[in-house]
Amino acid sequence: MKNKYIEIKNLERVYQPSSKVKVDALRGLNISIKEGEMVSVVGSSGSGKSTLLNILGGLDWDYRGEIIVDGKDIREYDENYYRRYIVGTIFQTFYLIPTLNVEENILLPLKFGKKMSKKETHERLEKLLDAVGLADRRDHMPKELSGGQAQRVAIARALIDQPKIVLADEPTGNLDSKTGAQILDLLNKLNKEEKTTMIVVTHDMKIADKTERKIKLVDGRNV
């Protein structure tokens, strides 16, 4: 049986852009996610989805409440370690380096993070290239790829150093519906194979329906 891997307790995030303006982005969020589970976070614009993702991704530490990952409060992690080894992020806008080919883009995180032997790196790269269906595109540059292929590169890049958690921020937002469905099928497949906990933020209920469980946010609260 899966164990609780992520526990979010009474999470609050307040933005105060000026002395007269205060925005309660998250208002006492309580969420538990099991190890290896694939869940979607849904909600309209302004519901707190992006704020939650930024906090879970280690990009925003100015929050109140607790976030426990694998029994440890994330504030106890070194920030760089957390972002490099615990979480991997897939963005809506791919963020591929235009001067690097597919293979080089996928391997980029290893230059700053986890150290692997040449053999381990080669085996990991080949496995992911096969998994995302890009073994025959390894030498292509980003400008030579379709949107779906570019997102597949981004997915492989997020998984290259075997993070415990993968955060996908509107991963199909820039894709047509057919390609978007294929990307979610791929994430489902990799979730099962890699046993990585995946959190997919989306406004598309068709995409959310493909995950194990939906978490709905309304005005900074889960309902």
Protein backbone atom coordinates (compact mmCIF):
# COMPACT_ATOMS: atom_id res chain seq x y z
CA MET A 1 0.00 0.00 0.00
CA LYS A 2 1.22 3.47 -0.87
CA ASN A 3 2.28 5.69 2.00
CA LYS A 4 1.68 9.40 2.42
CA TYR A 5 4.61 11.08 0.74
CA ILE A 6 3.54 14.73 0.65
CA GLU A 7 1.57 16.29 3.47
CA ILE A 8 0.47 19.91 3.20
CA LYS A 9 -0.88 21.29 6.44
CA ASN A 10 -2.71 24.61 6.82
CA LEU A 11 -0.74 26.20 3.98
CA GLU A 12 -1.19 29.95 3.64
CA ARG A 13 0.41 32.44 1.27
CA VAL A 14 -0.28 36.16 1.43
CA TYR A 15 1.04 38.69 -1.07
CA GLN A 16 1.11 42.35 -0.10
CA PRO A 17 2.18 44.35 -3.17
CA SER A 18 1.43 47.61 -1.37
CA SER A 19 0.32 48.86 2.04
CA LYS A 20 -3.27 49.05 0.79
CA VAL A 21 -3.41 45.80 -1.14
CA LYS A 22 -3.31 42.29 0.33
CA VAL A 23 -3.93 39.10 -1.63
CA ASP A 24 -4.69 35.83 0.16
CA ALA A 25 -3.49 33.39 -2.50
CA LEU A 26 -3.70 30.27 -0.30
CA ARG A 27 -5.98 30.08 2.72
CA GLY A 28 -5.33 27.06 4.90
CA LEU A 29 -4.71 24.34 2.33
CA ASN A 30 -4.63 20.73 3.59
CA ILE A 31 -3.60 18.03 1.11
CA SER A 32 -2.06 14.54 1.36
CA ILE A 33 -0.52 12.81 -1.64
CA LYS A 34 0.65 9.21 -1.64
CA GLU A 35 4.01 8.03 -2.87
CA GLY A 36 3.90 7.30 -6.58
CA GLU A 37 0.46 8.84 -6.98
CA MET A 38 -0.43 10.98 -10.00
CA VAL A 39 -2.84 13.76 -9.08
CA SER A 40 -4.16 16.84 -10.82
CA VAL A 41 -4.72 20.24 -9.26
CA VAL A 42 -7.58 22.06 -10.95
CA GLY A 43 -9.23 25.42 -10.54
CA SER A 44 -9.96 28.66 -12.30
CA SER A 45 -7.50 31.50 -12.74
CA GLY A 46 -6.68 32.98 -9.34
CA SER A 47 -7.57 29.84 -7.41
CA GLY A 48 -4.00 29.40 -6.11
CA LYS A 49 -2.72 26.66 -8.45
CA SER A 50 0.43 28.49 -9.53
CA THR A 51 1.18 29.65 -6.00
CA LEU A 52 0.94 26.08 -4.73
CA LEU A 53 3.23 24.85 -7.51
CA ASN A 54 5.83 27.55 -6.83
CA ILE A 55 5.91 26.61 -3.15
CA LEU A 56 6.12 22.87 -3.81
CA GLY A 57 8.85 23.55 -6.39
CA GLY A 58 10.99 25.36 -3.84
CA LEU A 59 10.68 28.70 -5.66
CA ASP A 60 8.73 30.46 -2.91
CA TRP A 61 9.59 29.97 0.75
CA ASP A 62 7.57 32.88 2.14
CA TYR A 63 4.57 30.86 3.28
CA ARG A 64 2.91 29.80 6.53
CA GLY A 65 2.04 26.23 7.40
CA GLU A 66 3.86 22.95 6.89
CA ILE A 67 4.91 20.94 3.86
CA ILE A 68 6.24 17.51 4.74
CA VAL A 69 7.97 15.45 2.03
CA ASP A 70 8.97 11.92 2.95
CA GLY A 71 8.62 12.72 6.64
CA LYS A 72 10.74 15.87 6.51
CA ASP A 73 9.67 19.51 6.49
CA ILE A 74 10.92 21.02 3.23
CA ARG A 75 12.34 23.99 5.13
CA GLU A 76 14.88 21.57 6.59
CA TYR A 77 16.27 20.82 3.13
CA ASP A 78 18.98 22.91 1.56
CA GLU A 79 17.11 24.94 -1.08
CA ASN A 80 19.42 23.96 -3.93
CA TYR A 81 19.37 20.31 -2.92
CA TYR A 82 15.58 20.32 -2.76
CA ARG A 83 15.22 21.86 -6.21
CA ARG A 84 17.84 19.60 -7.78
CA TYR A 85 17.13 16.21 -6.23
CA ILE A 86 13.63 16.22 -4.79
CA VAL A 87 11.56 18.01 -7.45
CA GLY A 88 11.63 18.24 -11.22
CA THR A 89 9.39 20.67 -13.08
CA ILE A 90 7.76 20.55 -16.50
CA PHE A 91 6.63 23.97 -17.70
CA GLN A 92 3.98 25.02 -20.17
CA THR A 93 6.56 26.88 -22.25
CA PHE A 94 9.19 24.13 -22.69
CA TYR A 95 12.25 26.39 -21.97
CA LEU A 96 14.59 24.40 -24.20
CA ILE A 97 18.00 25.96 -24.87
CA PRO A 98 17.89 26.82 -28.61
CA THR A 99 21.63 26.28 -29.14
CA LEU A 100 21.58 22.76 -27.65
CA ASN A 101 20.26 19.66 -29.39
CA VAL A 102 17.72 17.25 -27.91
CA GLU A 103 20.30 15.09 -26.15
CA GLU A 104 22.16 18.09 -24.71
CA ASN A 105 18.94 19.69 -23.44
CA ILE A 106 17.93 16.49 -21.65
CA LEU A 107 21.36 16.12 -20.02
CA LEU A 108 21.61 19.77 -18.93
CA PRO A 109 20.43 19.26 -15.30
CA LEU A 110 23.24 16.77 -14.71
CA LYS A 111 25.79 19.54 -15.21
CA PHE A 112 24.45 21.24 -12.07
CA GLY A 113 23.06 18.36 -10.05
CA LYS A 114 23.39 14.66 -9.53
CA LYS A 115 26.71 13.13 -10.51
CA MET A 116 26.43 9.94 -12.56
CA SER A 117 29.11 7.81 -14.14
CA LYS A 118 29.35 7.88 -17.93
CA LYS A 119 27.73 4.46 -18.05
CA GLU A 120 24.84 5.50 -15.77
CA THR A 121 24.33 8.70 -17.75
CA HIS A 122 24.28 6.82 -21.05
CA GLU A 123 21.84 4.20 -19.78
CA ARG A 124 19.55 6.81 -18.25
CA LEU A 125 19.58 8.94 -21.41
CA GLU A 126 18.84 5.99 -23.67
CA LYS A 127 16.00 4.83 -21.45
CA LEU A 128 14.35 8.25 -21.47
CA LEU A 129 14.87 8.84 -25.19
CA ASP A 130 13.11 5.53 -25.85
CA ALA A 131 10.38 6.30 -23.31
CA VAL A 132 9.52 9.67 -24.88
CA GLY A 133 9.92 8.39 -28.44
CA LEU A 134 12.78 10.65 -29.44
CA ALA A 135 15.67 8.24 -29.96
CA ASP A 136 15.75 9.22 -33.65
CA ARG A 137 15.65 12.96 -32.84
CA ARG A 138 18.58 13.13 -30.42
CA ASP A 139 20.65 15.37 -32.72
CA HIS A 140 17.81 17.71 -33.68
CA MET A 141 17.73 21.31 -32.51
CA PRO A 142 14.65 22.73 -30.76
CA LYS A 143 13.63 24.72 -33.86
CA GLU A 144 13.39 21.43 -35.75
CA LEU A 145 10.85 19.95 -33.33
CA SER A 146 7.08 20.12 -33.15
CA GLY A 147 5.43 21.43 -29.97
CA GLY A 148 4.69 17.90 -28.80
CA GLN A 149 8.28 16.78 -29.42
CA ALA A 150 9.62 19.82 -27.55
CA GLN A 151 7.43 18.98 -24.55
CA ARG A 152 8.69 15.40 -24.66
CA VAL A 153 12.24 16.74 -24.42
CA ALA A 154 11.19 18.86 -21.44
CA ILE A 155 9.66 15.80 -19.76
CA ALA A 156 12.83 13.75 -20.26
CA ARG A 157 14.91 16.65 -18.94
CA ALA A 158 12.75 16.84 -15.79
CA LEU A 159 13.22 13.12 -15.20
CA ILE A 160 16.92 12.71 -16.09
CA ASP A 161 18.20 12.90 -12.50
CA GLN A 162 15.37 10.79 -11.09
CA PRO A 163 13.52 13.33 -8.90
CA LYS A 164 11.13 12.06 -6.25
CA ILE A 165 8.40 14.48 -7.33
CA VAL A 166 7.54 15.83 -10.77
CA LEU A 167 5.49 19.02 -11.01
CA ALA A 168 3.81 19.65 -14.37
CA ASP A 169 2.57 23.21 -14.83
CA GLU A 170 -0.12 23.21 -17.56
CA PRO A 171 2.03 20.74 -19.56
CA THR A 172 -0.47 20.66 -22.44
CA GLY A 173 -1.35 24.37 -22.43
CA ASN A 174 0.55 25.17 -25.65
CA LEU A 175 -0.48 22.01 -27.50
CA ASP A 176 -3.49 20.99 -29.55
CA SER A 177 -5.96 18.62 -27.92
CA LYS A 178 -4.68 15.47 -29.66
CA THR A 179 -1.02 16.18 -28.81
CA GLY A 180 -2.01 17.20 -25.27
CA ALA A 181 -3.75 13.86 -24.75
CA GLN A 182 -0.63 12.06 -25.98
CA ILE A 183 1.54 14.00 -23.53
CA LEU A 184 -0.75 13.04 -20.63
CA ASP A 185 -0.67 9.40 -21.75
CA LEU A 186 3.12 9.65 -21.72
CA LEU A 187 3.15 11.15 -18.22
CA ASN A 188 0.84 8.36 -17.04
CA LYS A 189 3.17 5.77 -18.54
CA LEU A 190 6.27 7.34 -16.98
CA ASN A 191 4.49 7.68 -13.64
CA LYS A 192 3.97 3.92 -13.56
CA GLU A 193 7.44 3.06 -14.85
CA GLU A 194 9.44 5.55 -12.78
CA LYS A 195 7.16 5.37 -9.70
CA THR A 196 7.58 9.13 -9.40
CA THR A 197 4.95 11.16 -7.55
CA MET A 198 3.40 13.49 -10.15
CA ILE A 199 1.34 16.64 -9.62
CA VAL A 200 -0.25 18.07 -12.75
CA VAL A 201 -1.67 21.59 -12.62
CA THR A 202 -4.32 22.12 -15.28
CA HIS A 203 -7.53 23.99 -16.05
CA ASP A 204 -8.55 21.28 -18.55
CA MET A 205 -10.90 18.73 -16.96
CA LYS A 206 -10.28 16.25 -19.80
CA ILE A 207 -6.63 16.23 -18.79
CA ALA A 208 -7.47 16.05 -15.07
CA ASP A 209 -9.72 13.06 -15.66
CA LYS A 210 -6.67 11.08 -16.79
CA THR A 211 -5.02 11.33 -13.37
CA GLU A 212 -5.72 9.09 -10.37
CA ARG A 213 -7.27 11.88 -8.32
CA LYS A 214 -8.32 15.51 -8.69
CA ILE A 215 -7.69 18.23 -6.12
CA LYS A 216 -9.89 21.27 -6.73
CA LEU A 217 -8.89 24.72 -5.54
CA VAL A 218 -11.35 27.57 -5.10
CA ASP A 219 -10.14 30.94 -3.76
CA GLY A 220 -7.03 29.41 -2.24
CA ARG A 221 -8.78 26.49 -0.55
CA ASN A 222 -9.22 22.87 -1.56
CA VAL A 223 -12.87 21.85 -1.82
